[in-house]
Amino acid sequence: MKFLNDISKRTLLSLLIGSTALFTACTDKESEEEYTGNDAFVLTLAYAGANFNYDYYTVRFDDIMSGSLSAVGKGYHQLGYFSYDKIGDQIFSTGGLGTAGIVRLTKGADGSIREVGGGLSFDNSLQDVIEAEDQKLVGVEISSNSDVVKLHIMEPGSVTVSTTKSIAVSNLTTVSGPSYSGMVQSGNYLYLSYYISDPTTYATPSTDQAQVAVFSYPSLEFVKVMTDDRTGPIGGFGTKSGLIKDDSGNVYALSHSNPANGFSQFTREPAILRINRNGTEFDQNYLFSFNDVAEGKTTAHLIYLGNGKVFAEMNTSDRSEQSTWSDAPLRPAVLDLNHKTINYISNIPEHTGIGRTLASTALYDGNYIYMSIPEEVSTYIYRIDLTNYTAIKGAEVEANFVAGFFKL
């Protein structure tokens, strides 16, 4: 089975135009070989349907490096448009485009993936769910149709809300259209990055400075908006990787203003800024300049690996040459935030992204990175060796795209 790779434009368009989403559970029995063994791979495979809805099947696989992977009629099924995040030993699915809920998925006694908690519904779809340092979940609602930002602290086991705080959008910006791009909790604060996007045209007229909102944690009181004009807005459309956190709790803020990731213009140097742990200002002594390190090439996708190393999908086109909303062309690499270097991964072809969170669609298991790579007519799993920056091609994926990539 082959799937044409118009993935990125279709998924980006589906987010922009809206759709109806429903939760449904698949009752088909999974075959034994799909879930035997401990810590098997769990993939959520997405299949395009009508009206920009997708069928999602979350299934366990023991072997992803040979043969082909298909999930139709297997595993846990959802219809609509969903995002997936693994926090602890659970997978959390959040709905968008008509569904504004969250459910918790886990491995049953027989090894199958099933819903065990959740069903919460919010006024607007959660833009993201992260784990705080106290192991609580933090979710955020931001919508161009609302004049407030809502932050929720949730209990991960029961998926119930323990704290909700509403913050006026006017604290973040005097213009309409703050768009979410990233969130981390570190020390005494919760940091939230955003950029300004016109809710009707999606133009981005404000690209002259970085902005990160700071809230106290766990009280969620608004503290301030940090700004820095050395670079532009933090993060971009759909990728949720505007902010990452290192082993010491320092926060790094990614600015790219890529046309390929939702920006209509760019007016500042692409760079990564640092916020020291418990800081409420950007560190003026730190700047990871993409012009210096990567000859101006940028990234919208990051996964923190440890010891200052970051896995990235680098856009190989200059910003002036990028196709709008394309999330392409991409090439994986490892950035060193401390030494300000870049090492590209060999044996992986240039490819198109899917406009989703890299931390959800690629898996770092402490030894290797596993990710799906769309090629000309099909998609394949690749295993990346971070010791020598090489990759090995694995199984063919019989789906439109991989929406979640985990071990469970």
Protein backbone atom coordinates (compact mmCIF):
# COMPACT_ATOMS: atom_id res chain seq x y z
CA MET A 1 0.00 0.00 0.00
CA LYS A 2 1.39 3.43 -0.96
CA PHE A 3 0.39 6.84 0.32
CA LEU A 4 1.13 10.01 -1.62
CA ASN A 5 3.14 12.50 0.38
CA ASP A 6 1.05 15.68 0.37
CA ILE A 7 1.17 15.22 4.14
CA SER A 8 2.37 18.62 5.31
CA LYS A 9 0.08 20.82 3.25
CA ARG A 10 -2.93 18.66 4.01
CA THR A 11 -2.34 18.56 7.76
CA LEU A 12 -1.56 22.26 7.96
CA LEU A 13 -4.64 23.10 5.92
CA SER A 14 -6.82 20.91 8.08
CA LEU A 15 -5.73 22.82 11.15
CA LEU A 16 -6.51 26.13 9.47
CA ILE A 17 -9.96 25.43 8.06
CA GLY A 18 -11.47 23.40 10.92
CA SER A 19 -13.35 20.15 11.01
CA THR A 20 -15.47 17.89 13.20
CA ALA A 21 -13.81 15.33 15.47
CA LEU A 22 -15.17 12.36 17.37
CA PHE A 23 -13.73 9.87 19.85
CA THR A 24 -14.32 6.27 18.87
CA ALA A 25 -12.82 3.06 20.22
CA CYS A 26 -11.78 0.20 18.01
CA THR A 27 -13.04 -3.18 19.15
CA ASP A 28 -11.03 -5.26 16.70
CA LYS A 29 -8.81 -7.74 18.53
CA GLU A 30 -5.10 -7.13 18.03
CA SER A 31 -2.96 -10.00 16.87
CA GLU A 32 -0.58 -11.46 19.47
CA GLU A 33 2.61 -10.50 17.64
CA GLU A 34 1.75 -6.81 17.77
CA TYR A 35 2.09 -6.41 21.51
CA THR A 36 4.20 -9.20 22.97
CA GLY A 37 7.29 -8.17 24.93
CA ASN A 38 8.09 -5.30 27.25
CA ASP A 39 8.61 -1.73 26.09
CA ALA A 40 7.36 -2.42 22.60
CA PHE A 41 7.12 0.45 20.15
CA VAL A 42 3.80 2.27 20.09
CA LEU A 43 2.92 4.13 16.91
CA THR A 44 -0.13 6.20 16.15
CA LEU A 45 -0.70 5.92 12.42
CA ALA A 46 -2.97 8.40 10.65
CA TYR A 47 -5.09 7.72 7.57
CA ALA A 48 -6.73 10.54 5.61
CA GLY A 49 -10.50 10.55 5.41
CA ALA A 50 -13.20 12.89 4.17
CA ASN A 51 -13.54 16.55 5.14
CA PHE A 52 -9.96 16.68 6.46
CA ASN A 53 -10.69 14.20 9.21
CA TYR A 54 -8.21 11.43 9.94
CA ASP A 55 -8.51 7.93 11.33
CA TYR A 56 -5.88 7.39 14.02
CA TYR A 57 -4.88 3.93 15.21
CA THR A 58 -2.54 3.61 18.20
CA VAL A 59 -0.88 0.19 18.00
CA ARG A 60 2.09 -1.62 19.56
CA PHE A 61 4.78 -3.17 17.35
CA ASP A 62 7.76 -5.27 18.41
CA ASP A 63 9.68 -4.81 15.15
CA ILE A 64 9.76 -1.53 13.26
CA MET A 65 12.97 -2.07 11.33
CA SER A 66 11.78 -4.62 8.77
CA GLY A 67 8.75 -5.36 6.63
CA SER A 68 5.79 -2.99 6.69
CA LEU A 69 3.65 -1.41 9.40
CA SER A 70 -0.11 -1.11 9.07
CA ALA A 71 -2.70 -0.33 11.72
CA VAL A 72 -6.07 -0.23 9.97
CA GLY A 73 -8.63 -2.00 12.13
CA LYS A 74 -6.15 -2.53 14.98
CA GLY A 75 -5.42 -0.83 18.27
CA TYR A 76 -7.13 2.21 19.76
CA HIS A 77 -9.07 4.19 17.15
CA GLN A 78 -9.93 7.90 17.05
CA LEU A 79 -11.53 9.94 14.27
CA GLY A 80 -10.87 13.65 13.80
CA TYR A 81 -7.61 15.54 14.32
CA PHE A 82 -5.52 14.73 17.39
CA SER A 83 -2.14 15.29 18.99
CA TYR A 84 -0.29 12.77 21.13
CA ASP A 85 2.21 13.15 23.98
CA LYS A 86 3.89 10.53 26.15
CA ILE A 87 4.28 11.67 29.76
CA GLY A 88 5.61 9.09 32.20
CA ASP A 89 4.23 5.71 31.18
CA GLN A 90 1.03 7.15 29.70
CA ILE A 91 0.04 8.60 26.34
CA PHE A 92 -2.23 11.64 26.37
CA SER A 93 -4.37 12.37 23.34
CA THR A 94 -5.74 15.88 22.87
CA GLY A 95 -8.36 16.72 20.29
CA GLY A 96 -8.65 19.65 17.96
CA LEU A 97 -10.86 20.86 15.13
CA GLY A 98 -14.17 20.41 16.86
CA THR A 99 -13.11 18.27 19.81
CA ALA A 100 -11.69 20.02 22.87
CA GLY A 101 -10.87 17.11 25.14
CA ILE A 102 -8.07 14.98 26.56
CA VAL A 103 -7.91 11.24 27.20
CA ARG A 104 -5.26 9.01 28.77
CA LEU A 105 -4.11 5.89 26.95
CA THR A 106 -2.15 3.07 28.53
CA LYS A 107 -1.13 -0.54 28.02
CA GLY A 108 -3.66 -3.09 29.26
CA ALA A 109 -2.84 -6.38 30.97
CA ASP A 110 -3.07 -8.12 27.61
CA GLY A 111 -0.74 -5.57 26.03
CA SER A 112 -3.39 -3.71 24.04
CA ILE A 113 -3.68 0.08 24.03
CA ARG A 114 -6.83 1.34 25.70
CA GLU A 115 -8.41 4.45 27.15
CA VAL A 116 -8.28 4.44 30.94
CA GLY A 117 -9.07 8.00 31.92
CA GLY A 118 -9.95 11.42 30.73
CA GLY A 119 -12.93 12.67 28.85
CA LEU A 120 -12.40 16.22 30.05
CA SER A 121 -13.76 18.89 27.75
CA PHE A 122 -12.58 22.48 27.54
CA ASP A 123 -13.96 25.67 26.02
CA ASN A 124 -11.21 25.56 23.40
CA SER A 125 -8.86 22.80 22.33
CA LEU A 126 -5.75 22.41 24.46
CA GLN A 127 -2.84 23.72 22.45
CA ASP A 128 -0.40 21.63 24.45
CA VAL A 129 0.01 19.42 27.51
CA ILE A 130 3.36 19.23 29.32
CA GLU A 131 4.73 17.63 32.48
CA ALA A 132 5.73 19.96 35.30
CA GLU A 133 8.59 19.23 37.69
CA ASP A 134 6.07 18.11 40.35
CA GLN A 135 4.76 15.49 37.87
CA LYS A 136 1.49 17.36 37.36
CA LEU A 137 0.19 18.06 33.85
CA VAL A 138 -0.12 21.62 32.59
CA GLY A 139 -2.46 22.37 29.69
CA VAL A 140 -3.05 25.63 27.87
CA GLU A 141 -5.98 27.07 25.92
CA ILE A 142 -5.24 29.91 23.49
CA SER A 143 -7.71 30.84 20.78
CA SER A 144 -8.11 33.81 18.46
CA ASN A 145 -11.80 33.69 19.40
CA SER A 146 -11.10 34.29 23.10
CA ASP A 147 -9.78 37.28 25.01
CA VAL A 148 -8.29 35.07 27.74
CA VAL A 149 -5.55 32.46 27.99
CA LYS A 150 -6.49 29.57 30.27
CA LEU A 151 -3.88 27.51 32.11
CA HIS A 152 -4.87 24.22 33.73
CA ILE A 153 -2.99 22.05 36.22
CA MET A 154 -4.21 18.46 35.97
CA GLU A 155 -3.66 15.23 37.88
CA PRO A 156 -2.06 12.76 35.46
CA GLY A 157 -3.65 9.63 36.93
CA SER A 158 -7.25 10.75 36.97
CA VAL A 159 -6.90 13.42 34.27
CA THR A 160 -8.85 15.86 36.41
CA VAL A 161 -8.27 19.59 36.70
CA SER A 162 -7.01 20.81 40.08
CA THR A 163 -6.27 24.45 39.18
CA THR A 164 -7.42 26.77 36.39
CA LYS A 165 -6.28 30.32 35.88
CA SER A 166 -7.58 32.75 33.24
CA ILE A 167 -5.22 35.49 32.05
CA ALA A 168 -6.33 38.36 29.84
CA VAL A 169 -4.77 38.25 26.37
CA SER A 170 -4.11 41.98 26.81
CA ASN A 171 -1.31 41.02 29.23
CA LEU A 172 0.50 39.34 26.35
CA THR A 173 -0.24 41.64 23.42
CA THR A 174 -2.22 44.71 22.44
CA VAL A 175 -3.09 43.20 19.05
CA SER A 176 -5.22 40.20 18.20
CA GLY A 177 -3.96 36.79 17.28
CA PRO A 178 -1.45 35.44 19.82
CA SER A 179 -0.58 31.97 18.55
CA TYR A 180 0.87 29.33 20.85
CA SER A 181 4.36 27.98 20.13
CA GLY A 182 5.78 26.37 23.28
CA MET A 183 5.63 25.91 27.04
CA VAL A 184 7.93 24.58 29.78
CA GLN A 185 7.86 24.65 33.57
CA SER A 186 11.13 25.18 35.42
CA GLY A 187 11.75 26.13 39.04
CA ASN A 188 9.32 28.76 40.26
CA TYR A 189 7.96 29.65 36.83
CA LEU A 190 5.96 28.51 33.85
CA TYR A 191 7.18 29.92 30.53
CA LEU A 192 4.90 30.27 27.49
CA SER A 193 6.05 31.38 24.04
CA TYR A 194 3.84 32.79 21.32
CA TYR A 195 3.88 34.79 18.10
CA ILE A 196 1.38 37.17 16.52
CA SER A 197 -0.67 35.82 13.63
CA ASP A 198 -3.68 37.51 12.05
CA PRO A 199 -6.65 35.21 12.81
CA THR A 200 -8.15 35.82 9.35
CA THR A 201 -5.18 36.01 6.96
CA TYR A 202 -2.56 34.21 9.12
CA ALA A 203 -0.09 36.96 8.24
CA THR A 204 2.62 37.61 10.84
CA PRO A 205 3.17 41.40 10.93
CA SER A 206 5.14 41.47 14.22
CA THR A 207 8.53 39.81 13.80
CA ASP A 208 10.92 42.29 15.41
CA GLN A 209 11.34 40.71 18.84
CA ALA A 210 11.10 37.56 20.90
CA GLN A 211 8.32 37.35 23.48
CA VAL A 212 7.87 34.84 26.29
CA ALA A 213 5.17 35.14 28.94
CA VAL A 214 6.18 34.25 32.50
CA PHE A 215 3.78 32.86 35.13
CA SER A 216 4.45 31.81 38.70
CA TYR A 217 4.21 28.09 39.39
CA PRO A 218 2.13 26.49 40.77
CA SER A 219 -0.07 29.54 41.43
CA LEU A 220 -0.14 30.46 37.70
CA GLU A 221 -0.14 34.20 38.39
CA PHE A 222 0.93 36.34 35.45
CA VAL A 223 4.38 37.86 36.12
CA LYS A 224 5.55 39.59 32.93
CA VAL A 225 6.38 39.27 29.25
CA MET A 226 10.08 38.92 28.55
CA THR A 227 11.29 40.51 25.30
CA ASP A 228 14.51 40.48 23.30
CA ASP A 229 15.14 42.24 19.99
CA ARG A 230 18.26 40.25 19.08
CA THR A 231 15.96 37.79 17.31
CA GLY A 232 12.33 37.43 16.24
CA PRO A 233 9.27 35.57 17.57
CA ILE A 234 9.75 32.30 19.41
CA GLY A 235 8.54 29.12 17.72
CA GLY A 236 6.08 28.79 14.87
CA PHE A 237 2.94 27.10 13.65
CA GLY A 238 2.08 23.65 14.97
CA THR A 239 5.52 22.44 16.10
CA LYS A 240 5.26 23.38 19.83
CA SER A 241 9.06 23.42 20.17
CA GLY A 242 9.57 27.13 20.76
CA LEU A 243 10.83 26.32 24.27
CA ILE A 244 12.93 23.41 25.55
CA LYS A 245 14.61 22.77 28.91
CA ASP A 246 18.07 21.37 29.66
CA ASP A 247 19.26 19.11 32.48
CA SER A 248 19.87 22.08 34.80
CA GLY A 249 16.48 23.68 34.22
CA ASN A 250 17.72 26.38 31.87
CA VAL A 251 15.19 27.18 29.16
CA TYR A 252 16.12 27.69 25.51
CA ALA A 253 13.91 29.71 23.16
CA LEU A 254 14.02 28.98 19.42
CA SER A 255 13.40 31.75 16.87
CA HIS A 256 13.30 31.03 13.14
CA SER A 257 10.45 33.03 11.47
CA ASN A 258 10.38 30.39 8.74
CA PRO A 259 7.96 30.95 5.85
CA ALA A 260 7.84 27.13 5.72
CA ASN A 261 6.35 27.15 9.22
CA GLY A 262 3.73 29.86 9.09
CA PHE A 263 5.54 33.21 8.86
CA SER A 264 4.72 35.78 6.18
CA GLN A 265 7.93 37.74 6.84
CA PHE A 266 11.21 37.64 8.75
CA THR A 267 13.05 40.70 10.05
CA ARG A 268 15.53 39.37 12.62
CA GLU A 269 18.42 36.93 12.75
CA PRO A 270 17.39 33.31 13.46
CA ALA A 271 18.78 32.22 16.81
CA ILE A 272 18.30 30.39 20.09
CA LEU A 273 18.14 32.43 23.30
CA ARG A 274 18.60 31.22 26.87
CA ILE A 275 16.65 31.86 30.06
CA ASN A 276 18.64 30.73 33.09
CA ARG A 277 16.78 28.63 35.67
CA ASN A 278 14.35 30.80 37.66
CA GLY A 279 15.17 33.72 35.38
CA THR A 280 12.71 36.35 34.24
CA GLU A 281 15.02 37.89 31.63
CA PHE A 282 16.83 36.48 28.62
CA ASP A 283 20.52 35.80 29.24
CA GLN A 284 22.25 38.60 27.33
CA ASN A 285 25.53 36.66 27.35
CA TYR A 286 24.10 33.76 25.35
CA LEU A 287 23.13 33.59 21.66
CA PHE A 288 23.12 30.51 19.43
CA SER A 289 23.27 32.18 16.02
CA PHE A 290 22.11 30.07 13.08
CA ASN A 291 23.92 32.48 10.78
CA ASP A 292 27.20 31.61 12.49
CA VAL A 293 26.62 27.92 13.23
CA ALA A 294 24.53 26.75 10.26
CA GLU A 295 25.19 29.32 7.52
CA GLY A 296 21.75 30.80 8.06
CA LYS A 297 19.86 27.52 7.81
CA THR A 298 17.13 27.24 10.44
CA THR A 299 14.99 24.74 12.27
CA ALA A 300 11.44 24.71 13.61
CA HIS A 301 11.76 21.25 15.23
CA LEU A 302 13.74 20.35 18.36
CA ILE A 303 14.07 17.47 20.84
CA TYR A 304 16.35 17.91 23.85
CA LEU A 305 18.65 14.88 24.20
CA GLY A 306 20.77 15.72 27.25
CA ASN A 307 24.19 17.22 27.99
CA GLY A 308 23.41 20.27 25.90
CA LYS A 309 22.67 18.25 22.75
CA VAL A 310 19.52 18.81 20.71
CA PHE A 311 18.10 16.79 17.82
CA ALA A 312 16.75 19.06 15.08
CA GLU A 313 15.17 18.91 11.65
CA MET A 314 17.04 21.62 9.74
CA ASN A 315 15.41 23.40 6.81
CA THR A 316 18.03 23.27 4.05
CA SER A 317 16.61 26.26 2.16
CA ASP A 318 17.41 29.85 3.03
CA ARG A 319 14.40 31.61 4.47
CA SER A 320 14.11 33.75 1.33
CA GLU A 321 13.72 30.57 -0.75
CA GLN A 322 11.35 28.56 1.45
CA SER A 323 7.90 27.65 0.16
CA THR A 324 5.23 28.94 2.51
CA TRP A 325 3.53 26.39 4.76
CA SER A 326 5.68 23.61 3.30
CA ASP A 327 7.65 22.45 6.38
CA ALA A 328 10.34 21.48 3.88
CA PRO A 329 12.98 20.59 2.77
CA LEU A 330 14.32 19.04 5.97
CA ARG A 331 17.53 17.29 7.00
CA PRO A 332 18.13 15.93 10.53
CA ALA A 333 21.05 17.14 12.62
CA VAL A 334 22.35 17.36 16.18
CA LEU A 335 23.01 20.80 17.67
CA ASP A 336 25.34 21.38 20.61
CA LEU A 337 23.96 24.32 22.57
CA ASN A 338 27.07 24.60 24.73
CA HIS A 339 29.74 24.46 22.04
CA LYS A 340 27.52 25.94 19.31
CA THR A 341 28.14 23.30 16.67
CA ILE A 342 26.04 21.26 14.25
CA ASN A 343 26.45 17.70 12.93
CA TYR A 344 24.18 16.52 10.13
CA ILE A 345 22.86 12.95 9.97
CA SER A 346 23.91 10.97 6.91
CA ASN A 347 21.93 8.34 4.96
CA ILE A 348 18.57 10.11 5.29
CA PRO A 349 17.14 11.86 2.21
CA GLU A 350 15.87 15.41 2.30
CA HIS A 351 12.19 15.26 3.08
CA THR A 352 9.00 17.08 3.97
CA GLY A 353 7.86 17.44 7.56
CA ILE A 354 4.27 17.05 8.69
CA GLY A 355 3.97 20.29 10.67
CA ARG A 356 3.68 18.46 14.00
CA THR A 357 5.64 18.25 17.24
CA LEU A 358 8.93 16.42 16.70
CA ALA A 359 8.98 15.24 20.32
CA SER A 360 5.76 13.31 19.59
CA THR A 361 6.55 12.02 16.12
CA ALA A 362 10.14 10.93 16.75
CA LEU A 363 11.37 8.72 19.61
CA TYR A 364 14.60 9.08 21.57
CA ASP A 365 15.09 5.99 23.72
CA GLY A 366 18.43 6.98 25.25
CA ASN A 367 20.41 5.20 22.54
CA TYR A 368 18.83 5.94 19.18
CA ILE A 369 16.43 8.33 17.53
CA TYR A 370 13.61 6.59 15.65
CA MET A 371 11.53 8.60 13.22
CA SER A 372 9.45 8.28 10.08
CA ILE A 373 10.74 9.89 6.90
CA PRO A 374 8.38 10.62 3.97
CA GLU A 375 10.07 9.70 0.71
CA GLU A 376 8.81 10.14 -2.85
CA VAL A 377 5.89 7.70 -2.74
CA SER A 378 6.05 6.12 0.70
CA THR A 379 7.20 6.63 4.28
CA TYR A 380 9.91 4.65 6.08
CA ILE A 381 11.20 4.29 9.63
CA TYR A 382 14.82 5.32 10.18
CA ARG A 383 17.00 4.53 13.19
CA ILE A 384 19.61 7.19 13.89
CA ASP A 385 22.87 6.40 15.70
CA LEU A 386 23.84 9.53 17.63
CA THR A 387 27.40 8.31 18.23
CA ASN A 388 28.38 8.50 14.56
CA TYR A 389 25.51 10.57 13.06
CA THR A 390 24.40 7.86 10.65
CA ALA A 391 21.02 6.25 10.00
CA ILE A 392 19.63 2.86 8.94
CA LYS A 393 16.41 2.47 6.96
CA GLY A 394 13.71 0.28 8.49
CA ALA A 395 10.12 -0.71 7.87
CA GLU A 396 7.75 0.88 5.39
CA VAL A 397 4.85 2.72 7.02
CA GLU A 398 1.49 2.08 5.38
CA ALA A 399 -0.20 5.28 6.53
CA ASN A 400 -0.39 8.93 5.54
CA PHE A 401 1.77 9.95 8.49
CA VAL A 402 2.95 8.96 11.95
CA ALA A 403 1.16 11.09 14.56
CA GLY A 404 2.82 9.50 17.59
CA PHE A 405 6.02 7.50 18.17
CA PHE A 406 6.65 6.05 21.62
CA LYS A 407 7.75 3.07 23.70
CA LEU A 408 5.35 1.65 26.25
